[in-house]
Amino acid sequence: MKIAIPSESADGLAAMRSGHFGHAAYFTVVEYDKSMNIVAYEAVKNVDHDQFGCGGVIDHVLGLGVDGILTVGMGRPPLMRFTENGVTVYSEATAPIVGDAARLFAEGRVQHMSPESACSHH
């Protein structure tokens, strides 16, 4: 299983998490084995939100071949688009470091994001 975690830098598991997926500088892609051990991770530079818009960021993440995205916040349209494309959106807002959030995910201690809990900014 592979998930993408919005990140502020290319520091892998030591990176600070980004508060909102669309404007993240990077995505740390974390790969797990069947026992949910982290077996690999890679920092991937995000596309420029101002240039490509939210749709461009979504397309970029979909192109990473991930099964899920673990984010602090996300609007309803991106949430629905990820879900429609088979990518599960998870929410976790307490761990500021990518590696800590990745471990919480492995332990099953994150929630699925619902449309009701999505951000509603314009």
PDB file of N, CA and C in Angstrom:
ATOM      1  N   MET A   1       0.842  -1.180   0.000  1.00  0.00           N
ATOM      2  CA  MET A   1       0.000   0.000   0.000  1.00  0.00           C
ATOM      3  C   MET A   1       0.882   1.236   0.000  1.00  0.00           C
ATOM      4  N   LYS A   2       0.460   2.242  -0.751  1.00  0.00           N
ATOM      5  CA  LYS A   2       1.187   3.510  -0.818  1.00  0.00           C
ATOM      6  C   LYS A   2       0.237   4.653  -0.506  1.00  0.00           C
ATOM      7  N   ILE A   3       0.708   5.572   0.337  1.00  0.00           N
ATOM      8  CA  ILE A   3      -0.065   6.776   0.618  1.00  0.00           C
ATOM      9  C   ILE A   3       0.810   8.003   0.379  1.00  0.00           C
ATOM     10  N   ALA A   4       0.161   9.110   0.074  1.00  0.00           N
ATOM     11  CA  ALA A   4       0.833  10.397  -0.084  1.00  0.00           C
ATOM     12  C   ALA A   4       0.488  11.271   1.119  1.00  0.00           C
ATOM     13  N   ILE A   5       1.522  11.907   1.676  1.00  0.00           N
ATOM     14  CA  ILE A   5       1.328  12.818   2.807  1.00  0.00           C
ATOM     15  C   ILE A   5       1.847  14.190   2.393  1.00  0.00           C
ATOM     16  N   PRO A   6       0.972  15.216   2.344  1.00  0.00           N
ATOM     17  CA  PRO A   6       1.433  16.565   1.999  1.00  0.00           C
ATOM     18  C   PRO A   6       2.501  17.033   2.971  1.00  0.00           C
ATOM     19  N   SER A   7       3.613  17.554   2.416  1.00  0.00           N
ATOM     20  CA  SER A   7       4.792  17.874   3.214  1.00  0.00           C
ATOM     21  C   SER A   7       5.352  19.242   2.848  1.00  0.00           C
ATOM     22  N   GLU A   8       6.034  19.846   3.805  1.00  0.00           N
ATOM     23  CA  GLU A   8       6.617  21.170   3.592  1.00  0.00           C
ATOM     24  C   GLU A   8       7.993  21.126   2.939  1.00  0.00           C
ATOM     25  N   SER A   9       8.668  19.953   2.987  1.00  0.00           N
ATOM     26  CA  SER A   9      10.025  19.867   2.458  1.00  0.00           C
ATOM     27  C   SER A   9      10.276  18.469   1.904  1.00  0.00           C
ATOM     28  N   ALA A  10      11.471  18.279   1.357  1.00  0.00           N
ATOM     29  CA  ALA A  10      11.874  16.989   0.789  1.00  0.00           C
ATOM     30  C   ALA A  10      12.611  16.135   1.814  1.00  0.00           C
ATOM     31  N   ASP A  11      12.350  16.353   3.107  1.00  0.00           N
ATOM     32  CA  ASP A  11      13.072  15.669   4.173  1.00  0.00           C
ATOM     33  C   ASP A  11      12.485  14.309   4.542  1.00  0.00           C
ATOM     34  N   GLY A  12      11.668  13.740   3.677  1.00  0.00           N
ATOM     35  CA  GLY A  12      11.142  12.401   3.907  1.00  0.00           C
ATOM     36  C   GLY A  12      10.317  12.315   5.170  1.00  0.00           C
ATOM     37  N   LEU A  13      10.572  11.283   5.972  1.00  0.00           N
ATOM     38  CA  LEU A  13       9.798  11.058   7.193  1.00  0.00           C
ATOM     39  C   LEU A  13      10.043  12.134   8.243  1.00  0.00           C
ATOM     40  N   ALA A  14      11.130  12.899   8.116  1.00  0.00           N
ATOM     41  CA  ALA A  14      11.428  13.968   9.070  1.00  0.00           C
ATOM     42  C   ALA A  14      10.781  15.302   8.688  1.00  0.00           C
ATOM     43  N   ALA A  15      10.143  15.367   7.533  1.00  0.00           N
ATOM     44  CA  ALA A  15       9.542  16.617   7.058  1.00  0.00           C
ATOM     45  C   ALA A  15       8.353  17.027   7.921  1.00  0.00           C
ATOM     46  N   MET A  16       8.127  18.329   7.975  1.00  0.00           N
ATOM     47  CA  MET A  16       6.914  18.851   8.598  1.00  0.00           C
ATOM     48  C   MET A  16       5.761  18.607   7.624  1.00  0.00           C
ATOM     49  N   ARG A  17       4.609  18.283   8.163  1.00  0.00           N
ATOM     50  CA  ARG A  17       3.436  18.101   7.311  1.00  0.00           C
ATOM     51  C   ARG A  17       2.906  19.452   6.856  1.00  0.00           C
ATOM     52  N   SER A  18       2.293  19.464   5.698  1.00  0.00           N
ATOM     53  CA  SER A  18       1.651  20.663   5.183  1.00  0.00           C
ATOM     54  C   SER A  18       0.205  20.676   5.663  1.00  0.00           C
ATOM     55  N   GLY A  19      -0.280  21.852   6.026  1.00  0.00           N
ATOM     56  CA  GLY A  19      -1.638  21.971   6.550  1.00  0.00           C
ATOM     57  C   GLY A  19      -2.734  21.742   5.538  1.00  0.00           C
ATOM     58  N   HIS A  20      -2.459  21.903   4.270  1.00  0.00           N
ATOM     59  CA  HIS A  20      -3.489  21.695   3.250  1.00  0.00           C
ATOM     60  C   HIS A  20      -2.838  21.115   2.013  1.00  0.00           C
ATOM     61  N   PHE A  21      -3.414  20.070   1.486  1.00  0.00           N
ATOM     62  CA  PHE A  21      -2.752  19.311   0.434  1.00  0.00           C
ATOM     63  C   PHE A  21      -2.457  20.126  -0.819  1.00  0.00           C
ATOM     64  N   GLY A  22      -3.335  21.009  -1.229  1.00  0.00           N
ATOM     65  CA  GLY A  22      -3.187  21.707  -2.504  1.00  0.00           C
ATOM     66  C   GLY A  22      -1.970  22.605  -2.593  1.00  0.00           C
ATOM     67  N   HIS A  23      -1.584  23.190  -1.480  1.00  0.00           N
ATOM     68  CA  HIS A  23      -0.459  24.129  -1.468  1.00  0.00           C
ATOM     69  C   HIS A  23       0.810  23.525  -0.883  1.00  0.00           C
ATOM     70  N   ALA A  24       0.824  22.218  -0.674  1.00  0.00           N
ATOM     71  CA  ALA A  24       2.012  21.549  -0.138  1.00  0.00           C
ATOM     72  C   ALA A  24       3.158  21.681  -1.132  1.00  0.00           C
ATOM     73  N   ALA A  25       4.359  21.880  -0.611  1.00  0.00           N
ATOM     74  CA  ALA A  25       5.532  21.969  -1.485  1.00  0.00           C
ATOM     75  C   ALA A  25       5.893  20.596  -2.050  1.00  0.00           C
ATOM     76  N   TYR A  26       5.652  19.555  -1.259  1.00  0.00           N
ATOM     77  CA  TYR A  26       6.000  18.181  -1.632  1.00  0.00           C
ATOM     78  C   TYR A  26       4.905  17.231  -1.179  1.00  0.00           C
ATOM     79  N   PHE A  27       4.968  16.031  -1.696  1.00  0.00           N
ATOM     80  CA  PHE A  27       4.216  14.905  -1.153  1.00  0.00           C
ATOM     81  C   PHE A  27       5.241  13.850  -0.782  1.00  0.00           C
ATOM     82  N   THR A  28       5.177  13.372   0.446  1.00  0.00           N
ATOM     83  CA  THR A  28       6.009  12.242   0.826  1.00  0.00           C
ATOM     84  C   THR A  28       5.175  11.001   0.566  1.00  0.00           C
ATOM     85  N   VAL A  29       5.637  10.176  -0.370  1.00  0.00           N
ATOM     86  CA  VAL A  29       4.941   8.944  -0.713  1.00  0.00           C
ATOM     87  C   VAL A  29       5.546   7.838   0.141  1.00  0.00           C
ATOM     88  N   VAL A  30       4.708   7.224   0.970  1.00  0.00           N
ATOM     89  CA  VAL A  30       5.147   6.194   1.910  1.00  0.00           C
ATOM     90  C   VAL A  30       4.569   4.859   1.463  1.00  0.00           C
ATOM     91  N   GLU A  31       5.444   3.860   1.366  1.00  0.00           N
ATOM     92  CA  GLU A  31       5.011   2.533   0.959  1.00  0.00           C
ATOM     93  C   GLU A  31       5.103   1.572   2.141  1.00  0.00           C
ATOM     94  N   TYR A  32       4.058   0.757   2.306  1.00  0.00           N
ATOM     95  CA  TYR A  32       3.961  -0.210   3.399  1.00  0.00           C
ATOM     96  C   TYR A  32       3.925  -1.626   2.827  1.00  0.00           C
ATOM     97  N   ASP A  33       4.447  -2.574   3.614  1.00  0.00           N
ATOM     98  CA  ASP A  33       4.286  -3.975   3.235  1.00  0.00           C
ATOM     99  C   ASP A  33       2.948  -4.485   3.797  1.00  0.00           C
ATOM    100  N   LYS A  34       2.672  -5.767   3.627  1.00  0.00           N
ATOM    101  CA  LYS A  34       1.390  -6.334   4.068  1.00  0.00           C
ATOM    102  C   LYS A  34       1.194  -6.252   5.581  1.00  0.00           C
ATOM    103  N   SER A  35       2.289  -6.165   6.334  1.00  0.00           N
ATOM    104  CA  SER A  35       2.208  -6.043   7.788  1.00  0.00           C
ATOM    105  C   SER A  35       2.194  -4.589   8.248  1.00  0.00           C
ATOM    106  N   MET A  36       2.085  -3.660   7.287  1.00  0.00           N
ATOM    107  CA  MET A  36       2.042  -2.220   7.542  1.00  0.00           C
ATOM    108  C   MET A  36       3.343  -1.676   8.116  1.00  0.00           C
ATOM    109  N   ASN A  37       4.461  -2.298   7.752  1.00  0.00           N
ATOM    110  CA  ASN A  37       5.772  -1.738   8.043  1.00  0.00           C
ATOM    111  C   ASN A  37       6.142  -0.805   6.901  1.00  0.00           C
ATOM    112  N   ILE A  38       6.757   0.313   7.217  1.00  0.00           N
ATOM    113  CA  ILE A  38       7.214   1.236   6.176  1.00  0.00           C
ATOM    114  C   ILE A  38       8.430   0.600   5.501  1.00  0.00           C
ATOM    115  N   VAL A  39       8.321   0.391   4.192  1.00  0.00           N
ATOM    116  CA  VAL A  39       9.417  -0.250   3.461  1.00  0.00           C
ATOM    117  C   VAL A  39      10.137   0.721   2.528  1.00  0.00           C
ATOM    118  N   ALA A  40       9.497   1.844   2.207  1.00  0.00           N
ATOM    119  CA  ALA A  40      10.127   2.842   1.335  1.00  0.00           C
ATOM    120  C   ALA A  40       9.378   4.161   1.481  1.00  0.00           C
ATOM    121  N   TYR A  41      10.082   5.245   1.170  1.00  0.00           N
ATOM    122  CA  TYR A  41       9.432   6.549   1.104  1.00  0.00           C
ATOM    123  C   TYR A  41      10.218   7.422   0.132  1.00  0.00           C
ATOM    124  N   GLU A  42       9.511   8.384  -0.438  1.00  0.00           N
ATOM    125  CA  GLU A  42      10.116   9.274  -1.424  1.00  0.00           C
ATOM    126  C   GLU A  42       9.408  10.618  -1.376  1.00  0.00           C
ATOM    127  N   ALA A  43      10.174  11.702  -1.405  1.00  0.00           N
ATOM    128  CA  ALA A  43       9.603  13.044  -1.490  1.00  0.00           C
ATOM    129  C   ALA A  43       9.457  13.416  -2.963  1.00  0.00           C
ATOM    130  N   VAL A  44       8.248  13.815  -3.340  1.00  0.00           N
ATOM    131  CA  VAL A  44       7.954  14.190  -4.723  1.00  0.00           C
ATOM    132  C   VAL A  44       7.494  15.643  -4.724  1.00  0.00           C
ATOM    133  N   LYS A  45       8.159  16.486  -5.502  1.00  0.00           N
ATOM    134  CA  LYS A  45       7.792  17.905  -5.578  1.00  0.00           C
ATOM    135  C   LYS A  45       6.382  18.046  -6.138  1.00  0.00           C
ATOM    136  N   ASN A  46       5.595  18.889  -5.522  1.00  0.00           N
ATOM    137  CA  ASN A  46       4.235  19.162  -5.984  1.00  0.00           C
ATOM    138  C   ASN A  46       4.284  20.119  -7.179  1.00  0.00           C
ATOM    139  N   VAL A  47       3.239  20.091  -7.984  1.00  0.00           N
ATOM    140  CA  VAL A  47       3.101  21.087  -9.047  1.00  0.00           C
ATOM    141  C   VAL A  47       2.683  22.408  -8.407  1.00  0.00           C
ATOM    142  N   ASP A  48       2.870  23.497  -9.103  1.00  0.00           N
ATOM    143  CA  ASP A  48       2.539  24.826  -8.598  1.00  0.00           C
ATOM    144  C   ASP A  48       1.023  25.021  -8.615  1.00  0.00           C
ATOM    145  N   HIS A  49       0.439  25.134  -7.429  1.00  0.00           N
ATOM    146  CA  HIS A  49      -1.013  25.297  -7.308  1.00  0.00           C
ATOM    147  C   HIS A  49      -1.497  26.528  -8.059  1.00  0.00           C
ATOM    148  N   ASP A  50      -0.729  27.626  -7.968  1.00  0.00           N
ATOM    149  CA  ASP A  50      -1.141  28.861  -8.639  1.00  0.00           C
ATOM    150  C   ASP A  50      -1.146  28.702 -10.155  1.00  0.00           C
ATOM    151  N   GLN A  51      -0.248  27.884 -10.680  1.00  0.00           N
ATOM    152  CA  GLN A  51      -0.163  27.680 -12.121  1.00  0.00           C
ATOM    153  C   GLN A  51      -1.153  26.621 -12.619  1.00  0.00           C
ATOM    154  N   PHE A  52      -1.263  25.516 -11.893  1.00  0.00           N
ATOM    155  CA  PHE A  52      -2.052  24.376 -12.366  1.00  0.00           C
ATOM    156  C   PHE A  52      -3.404  24.233 -11.682  1.00  0.00           C
ATOM    157  N   GLY A  53      -3.619  24.965 -10.596  1.00  0.00           N
ATOM    158  CA  GLY A  53      -4.884  24.895  -9.885  1.00  0.00           C
ATOM    159  C   GLY A  53      -5.029  23.597  -9.108  1.00  0.00           C
ATOM    160  N   CYS A  54      -6.119  23.522  -8.378  1.00  0.00           N
ATOM    161  CA  CYS A  54      -6.378  22.350  -7.546  1.00  0.00           C
ATOM    162  C   CYS A  54      -6.486  21.090  -8.404  1.00  0.00           C
ATOM    163  N   GLY A  55      -7.100  21.197  -9.571  1.00  0.00           N
ATOM    164  CA  GLY A  55      -7.232  20.044 -10.462  1.00  0.00           C
ATOM    165  C   GLY A  55      -5.887  19.500 -10.893  1.00  0.00           C
ATOM    166  N   GLY A  56      -4.932  20.388 -11.119  1.00  0.00           N
ATOM    167  CA  GLY A  56      -3.595  19.959 -11.504  1.00  0.00           C
ATOM    168  C   GLY A  56      -2.887  19.215 -10.381  1.00  0.00           C
ATOM    169  N   VAL A  57      -3.107  19.667  -9.141  1.00  0.00           N
ATOM    170  CA  VAL A  57      -2.525  18.996  -7.991  1.00  0.00           C
ATOM    171  C   VAL A  57      -3.143  17.599  -7.849  1.00  0.00           C
ATOM    172  N   ILE A  58      -4.453  17.519  -8.003  1.00  0.00           N
ATOM    173  CA  ILE A  58      -5.134  16.216  -7.910  1.00  0.00           C
ATOM    174  C   ILE A  58      -4.601  15.274  -8.984  1.00  0.00           C
ATOM    175  N   ASP A  59      -4.495  15.756 -10.218  1.00  0.00           N
ATOM    176  CA  ASP A  59      -3.954  14.923 -11.302  1.00  0.00           C
ATOM    177  C   ASP A  59      -2.546  14.448 -10.973  1.00  0.00           C
ATOM    178  N   HIS A  60      -1.745  15.342 -10.408  1.00  0.00           N
ATOM    179  CA  HIS A  60      -0.367  15.004 -10.031  1.00  0.00           C
ATOM    180  C   HIS A  60      -0.354  13.857  -9.016  1.00  0.00           C
ATOM    181  N   VAL A  61      -1.174  13.969  -7.975  1.00  0.00           N
ATOM    182  CA  VAL A  61      -1.219  12.933  -6.944  1.00  0.00           C
ATOM    183  C   VAL A  61      -1.759  11.626  -7.529  1.00  0.00           C
ATOM    184  N   LEU A  62      -2.793  11.709  -8.355  1.00  0.00           N
ATOM    185  CA  LEU A  62      -3.334  10.495  -8.972  1.00  0.00           C
ATOM    186  C   LEU A  62      -2.264   9.797  -9.804  1.00  0.00           C
ATOM    187  N   GLY A  63      -1.357  10.565 -10.396  1.00  0.00           N
ATOM    188  CA  GLY A  63      -0.281  10.003 -11.206  1.00  0.00           C
ATOM    189  C   GLY A  63       0.821   9.341 -10.394  1.00  0.00           C
ATOM    190  N   LEU A  64       0.780   9.488  -9.066  1.00  0.00           N
ATOM    191  CA  LEU A  64       1.811   8.890  -8.213  1.00  0.00           C
ATOM    192  C   LEU A  64       1.528   7.423  -7.892  1.00  0.00           C
ATOM    193  N   GLY A  65       0.373   6.928  -8.289  1.00  0.00           N
ATOM    194  CA  GLY A  65       0.035   5.529  -8.062  1.00  0.00           C
ATOM    195  C   GLY A  65      -0.224   5.181  -6.609  1.00  0.00           C
ATOM    196  N   VAL A  66      -0.794   6.121  -5.850  1.00  0.00           N
ATOM    197  CA  VAL A  66      -1.055   5.885  -4.439  1.00  0.00           C
ATOM    198  C   VAL A  66      -2.456   5.308  -4.227  1.00  0.00           C
ATOM    199  N   ASP A  67      -2.589   4.600  -3.104  1.00  0.00           N
ATOM    200  CA  ASP A  67      -3.885   4.050  -2.709  1.00  0.00           C
ATOM    201  C   ASP A  67      -4.659   5.019  -1.835  1.00  0.00           C
ATOM    202  N   GLY A  68      -3.923   5.948  -1.199  1.00  0.00           N
ATOM    203  CA  GLY A  68      -4.565   6.883  -0.298  1.00  0.00           C
ATOM    204  C   GLY A  68      -3.753   8.144  -0.136  1.00  0.00           C
ATOM    205  N   ILE A  69      -4.400   9.154   0.432  1.00  0.00           N
ATOM    206  CA  ILE A  69      -3.726  10.401   0.780  1.00  0.00           C
ATOM    207  C   ILE A  69      -4.100  10.710   2.227  1.00  0.00           C
ATOM    208  N   LEU A  70      -3.093  11.038   3.031  1.00  0.00           N
ATOM    209  CA  LEU A  70      -3.294  11.361   4.443  1.00  0.00           C
ATOM    210  C   LEU A  70      -3.053  12.847   4.614  1.00  0.00           C
ATOM    211  N   THR A  71      -4.106  13.578   4.923  1.00  0.00           N
ATOM    212  CA  THR A  71      -4.032  15.029   4.936  1.00  0.00           C
ATOM    213  C   THR A  71      -4.635  15.610   6.210  1.00  0.00           C
ATOM    214  N   VAL A  72      -4.265  16.826   6.502  1.00  0.00           N
ATOM    215  CA  VAL A  72      -4.879  17.552   7.607  1.00  0.00           C
ATOM    216  C   VAL A  72      -6.226  18.095   7.140  1.00  0.00           C
ATOM    217  N   GLY A  73      -6.256  18.690   5.946  1.00  0.00           N
ATOM    218  CA  GLY A  73      -7.477  19.277   5.434  1.00  0.00           C
ATOM    219  C   GLY A  73      -7.554  19.199   3.927  1.00  0.00           C
ATOM    220  N   MET A  74      -8.788  19.181   3.424  1.00  0.00           N
ATOM    221  CA  MET A  74      -9.022  19.119   1.988  1.00  0.00           C
ATOM    222  C   MET A  74     -10.463  19.543   1.741  1.00  0.00           C
ATOM    223  N   GLY A  75     -10.688  20.262   0.663  1.00  0.00           N
ATOM    224  CA  GLY A  75     -12.040  20.668   0.306  1.00  0.00           C
ATOM    225  C   GLY A  75     -12.858  19.509  -0.241  1.00  0.00           C
ATOM    226  N   ARG A  76     -14.158  19.697  -0.289  1.00  0.00           N
ATOM    227  CA  ARG A  76     -15.060  18.639  -0.749  1.00  0.00           C
ATOM    228  C   ARG A  76     -14.836  18.245  -2.213  1.00  0.00           C
ATOM    229  N   PRO A  77     -14.649  19.187  -3.155  1.00  0.00           N
ATOM    230  CA  PRO A  77     -14.434  18.758  -4.549  1.00  0.00           C
ATOM    231  C   PRO A  77     -13.205  17.859  -4.729  1.00  0.00           C
ATOM    232  N   PRO A  78     -12.033  18.198  -4.148  1.00  0.00           N
ATOM    233  CA  PRO A  78     -10.902  17.273  -4.274  1.00  0.00           C
ATOM    234  C   PRO A  78     -11.175  15.925  -3.605  1.00  0.00           C
ATOM    235  N   LEU A  79     -11.808  15.956  -2.431  1.00  0.00           N
ATOM    236  CA  LEU A  79     -12.146  14.713  -1.734  1.00  0.00           C
ATOM    237  C   LEU A  79     -12.974  13.810  -2.646  1.00  0.00           C
ATOM    238  N   MET A  80     -13.979  14.376  -3.284  1.00  0.00           N
ATOM    239  CA  MET A  80     -14.853  13.578  -4.149  1.00  0.00           C
ATOM    240  C   MET A  80     -14.086  13.067  -5.369  1.00  0.00           C
ATOM    241  N   ARG A  81     -13.221  13.896  -5.920  1.00  0.00           N
ATOM    242  CA  ARG A  81     -12.470  13.471  -7.106  1.00  0.00           C
ATOM    243  C   ARG A  81     -11.500  12.341  -6.778  1.00  0.00           C
ATOM    244  N   PHE A  82     -10.820  12.430  -5.642  1.00  0.00           N
ATOM    245  CA  PHE A  82      -9.940  11.335  -5.233  1.00  0.00           C
ATOM    246  C   PHE A  82     -10.757  10.057  -5.039  1.00  0.00           C
ATOM    247  N   THR A  83     -11.855  10.174  -4.312  1.00  0.00           N
ATOM    248  CA  THR A  83     -12.695   9.008  -4.025  1.00  0.00           C
ATOM    249  C   THR A  83     -13.197   8.371  -5.321  1.00  0.00           C
ATOM    250  N   GLU A  84     -13.646   9.190  -6.253  1.00  0.00           N
ATOM    251  CA  GLU A  84     -14.143   8.676  -7.540  1.00  0.00           C
ATOM    252  C   GLU A  84     -13.046   7.978  -8.332  1.00  0.00           C
ATOM    253  N   ASN A  85     -11.784   8.317  -8.064  1.00  0.00           N
ATOM    254  CA  ASN A  85     -10.652   7.709  -8.769  1.00  0.00           C
ATOM    255  C   ASN A  85      -9.986   6.593  -7.955  1.00  0.00           C
ATOM    256  N   GLY A  86     -10.663   6.125  -6.912  1.00  0.00           N
ATOM    257  CA  GLY A  86     -10.178   4.983  -6.159  1.00  0.00           C
ATOM    258  C   GLY A  86      -9.100   5.275  -5.136  1.00  0.00           C
ATOM    259  N   VAL A  87      -8.875   6.553  -4.805  1.00  0.00           N
ATOM    260  CA  VAL A  87      -7.888   6.928  -3.799  1.00  0.00           C
ATOM    261  C   VAL A  87      -8.642   7.313  -2.523  1.00  0.00           C
ATOM    262  N   THR A  88      -8.359   6.608  -1.443  1.00  0.00           N
ATOM    263  CA  THR A  88      -9.021   6.875  -0.167  1.00  0.00           C
ATOM    264  C   THR A  88      -8.354   8.066   0.504  1.00  0.00           C
ATOM    265  N   VAL A  89      -9.175   8.979   1.024  1.00  0.00           N
ATOM    266  CA  VAL A  89      -8.658  10.155   1.721  1.00  0.00           C
ATOM    267  C   VAL A  89      -8.795   9.923   3.224  1.00  0.00           C
ATOM    268  N   TYR A  90      -7.676  10.075   3.916  1.00  0.00           N
ATOM    269  CA  TYR A  90      -7.628   9.912   5.364  1.00  0.00           C
ATOM    270  C   TYR A  90      -7.311  11.262   5.987  1.00  0.00           C
ATOM    271  N   SER A  91      -7.784  11.461   7.215  1.00  0.00           N
ATOM    272  CA  SER A  91      -7.577  12.719   7.920  1.00  0.00           C
ATOM    273  C   SER A  91      -6.904  12.461   9.260  1.00  0.00           C
ATOM    274  N   GLU A  92      -5.902  13.275   9.549  1.00  0.00           N
ATOM    275  CA  GLU A  92      -5.204  13.208  10.828  1.00  0.00           C
ATOM    276  C   GLU A  92      -4.584  14.574  11.051  1.00  0.00           C
ATOM    277  N   ALA A  93      -4.892  15.203  12.183  1.00  0.00           N
ATOM    278  CA  ALA A  93      -4.463  16.587  12.384  1.00  0.00           C
ATOM    279  C   ALA A  93      -3.618  16.798  13.630  1.00  0.00           C
ATOM    280  N   THR A  94      -3.119  15.730  14.261  1.00  0.00           N
ATOM    281  CA  THR A  94      -2.377  15.931  15.506  1.00  0.00           C
ATOM    282  C   THR A  94      -0.872  15.774  15.345  1.00  0.00           C
ATOM    283  N   ALA A  95      -0.414  14.996  14.370  1.00  0.00           N
ATOM    284  CA  ALA A  95       1.020  14.722  14.219  1.00  0.00           C
ATOM    285  C   ALA A  95       1.641  15.701  13.225  1.00  0.00           C
ATOM    286  N   PRO A  96       2.547  16.583  13.691  1.00  0.00           N
ATOM    287  CA  PRO A  96       3.117  17.583  12.784  1.00  0.00           C
ATOM    288  C   PRO A  96       4.226  17.040  11.875  1.00  0.00           C
ATOM    289  N   ILE A  97       4.776  15.876  12.185  1.00  0.00           N
ATOM    290  CA  ILE A  97       5.886  15.306  11.423  1.00  0.00           C
ATOM    291  C   ILE A  97       5.367  14.158  10.551  1.00  0.00           C
ATOM    292  N   VAL A  98       5.820  14.094   9.305  1.00  0.00           N
ATOM    293  CA  VAL A  98       5.363  13.090   8.356  1.00  0.00           C
ATOM    294  C   VAL A  98       5.515  11.675   8.902  1.00  0.00           C
ATOM    295  N   GLY A  99       6.677  11.355   9.450  1.00  0.00           N
ATOM    296  CA  GLY A  99       6.914  10.006   9.957  1.00  0.00           C
ATOM    297  C   GLY A  99       5.955   9.609  11.064  1.00  0.00           C
ATOM    298  N   ASP A 100       5.622  10.558  11.950  1.00  0.00           N
ATOM    299  CA  ASP A 100       4.672  10.262  13.027  1.00  0.00           C
ATOM    300  C   ASP A 100       3.282   9.991  12.456  1.00  0.00           C
ATOM    301  N   ALA A 101       2.870  10.786  11.470  1.00  0.00           N
ATOM    302  CA  ALA A 101       1.574  10.568  10.827  1.00  0.00           C
ATOM    303  C   ALA A 101       1.564   9.231  10.083  1.00  0.00           C
ATOM    304  N   ALA A 102       2.676   8.897   9.438  1.00  0.00           N
ATOM    305  CA  ALA A 102       2.772   7.623   8.717  1.00  0.00           C
ATOM    306  C   ALA A 102       2.648   6.448   9.675  1.00  0.00           C
ATOM    307  N   ARG A 103       3.210   6.575  10.876  1.00  0.00           N
ATOM    308  CA  ARG A 103       3.098   5.505  11.873  1.00  0.00           C
ATOM    309  C   ARG A 103       1.664   5.396  12.407  1.00  0.00           C
ATOM    310  N   LEU A 104       1.019   6.533  12.627  1.00  0.00           N
ATOM    311  CA  LEU A 104      -0.385   6.501  13.060  1.00  0.00           C
ATOM    312  C   LEU A 104      -1.245   5.803  12.005  1.00  0.00           C
ATOM    313  N   PHE A 105      -0.953   6.076  10.734  1.00  0.00           N
ATOM    314  CA  PHE A 105      -1.679   5.411   9.654  1.00  0.00           C
ATOM    315  C   PHE A 105      -1.456   3.901   9.728  1.00  0.00           C
ATOM    316  N   ALA A 106      -0.218   3.486   9.908  1.00  0.00           N
ATOM    317  CA  ALA A 106       0.111   2.062   9.970  1.00  0.00           C
ATOM    318  C   ALA A 106      -0.594   1.379  11.134  1.00  0.00           C
ATOM    319  N   GLU A 107      -0.807   2.111  12.215  1.00  0.00           N
ATOM    320  CA  GLU A 107      -1.468   1.565  13.395  1.00  0.00           C
ATOM    321  C   GLU A 107      -2.983   1.628  13.293  1.00  0.00           C
ATOM    322  N   GLY A 108      -3.508   2.169  12.189  1.00  0.00           N
ATOM    323  CA  GLY A 108      -4.951   2.273  12.019  1.00  0.00           C
ATOM    324  C   GLY A 108      -5.585   3.355  12.872  1.00  0.00           C
ATOM    325  N   ARG A 109      -4.798   4.368  13.211  1.00  0.00           N
ATOM    326  CA  ARG A 109      -5.272   5.413  14.125  1.00  0.00           C
ATOM    327  C   ARG A 109      -5.610   6.720  13.412  1.00  0.00           C
ATOM    328  N   VAL A 110      -5.984   6.629  12.146  1.00  0.00           N
ATOM    329  CA  VAL A 110      -6.441   7.800  11.391  1.00  0.00           C
ATOM    330  C   VAL A 110      -7.863   7.517  10.908  1.00  0.00           C
ATOM    331  N   GLN A 111      -8.572   8.569  10.556  1.00  0.00           N
ATOM    332  CA  GLN A 111      -9.964   8.450  10.129  1.00  0.00           C
ATOM    333  C   GLN A 111     -10.089   8.619   8.617  1.00  0.00           C
ATOM    334  N   HIS A 112     -11.100   7.981   8.041  1.00  0.00           N
ATOM    335  CA  HIS A 112     -11.464   8.301   6.657  1.00  0.00           C
ATOM    336  C   HIS A 112     -12.074   9.693   6.671  1.00  0.00           C
ATOM    337  N   MET A 113     -11.732  10.518   5.694  1.00  0.00           N
ATOM    338  CA  MET A 113     -12.334  11.845   5.613  1.00  0.00           C
ATOM    339  C   MET A 113     -13.703  11.723   4.945  1.00  0.00           C
ATOM    340  N   SER A 114     -14.688  12.305   5.565  1.00  0.00           N
ATOM    341  CA  SER A 114     -16.033  12.289   4.987  1.00  0.00           C
ATOM    342  C   SER A 114     -16.329  13.635   4.356  1.00  0.00           C
ATOM    343  N   PRO A 115     -17.289  13.676   3.438  1.00  0.00           N
ATOM    344  CA  PRO A 115     -17.652  14.977   2.847  1.00  0.00           C
ATOM    345  C   PRO A 115     -18.042  16.008   3.905  1.00  0.00           C
ATOM    346  N   GLU A 116     -18.638  15.547   4.998  1.00  0.00           N
ATOM    347  CA  GLU A 116     -19.052  16.458   6.068  1.00  0.00           C
ATOM    348  C   GLU A 116     -17.873  17.090   6.800  1.00  0.00           C
ATOM    349  N   SER A 117     -16.742  16.372   6.837  1.00  0.00           N
ATOM    350  CA  SER A 117     -15.575  16.899   7.548  1.00  0.00           C
ATOM    351  C   SER A 117     -14.606  17.632   6.636  1.00  0.00           C
ATOM    352  N   ALA A 118     -14.900  17.690   5.346  1.00  0.00           N
ATOM    353  CA  ALA A 118     -14.027  18.387   4.398  1.00  0.00           C
ATOM    354  C   ALA A 118     -14.069  19.894   4.662  1.00  0.00           C
ATOM    355  N   CYS A 119     -12.995  20.570   4.266  1.00  0.00           N
ATOM    356  CA  CYS A 119     -12.926  22.023   4.405  1.00  0.00           C
ATOM    357  C   CYS A 119     -13.959  22.669   3.490  1.00  0.00           C
ATOM    358  N   SER A 120     -14.463  23.812   3.919  1.00  0.00           N
ATOM    359  CA  SER A 120     -15.472  24.488   3.106  1.00  0.00           C
ATOM    360  C   SER A 120     -15.069  25.929   2.838  1.00  0.00           C
ATOM    361  N   HIS A 121     -13.825  26.134   2.408  1.00  0.00           N
ATOM    362  CA  HIS A 121     -13.369  27.485   2.077  1.00  0.00           C
ATOM    363  C   HIS A 121     -13.554  27.717   0.586  1.00  0.00           C
ATOM    364  N   HIS A 122     -13.526  28.960   0.190  1.00  0.00           N
ATOM    365  CA  HIS A 122     -13.748  29.288  -1.234  1.00  0.00           C
ATOM    366  C   HIS A 122     -12.573  30.040  -1.797  1.00  0.00           C
TER     367      HIS A 122
END
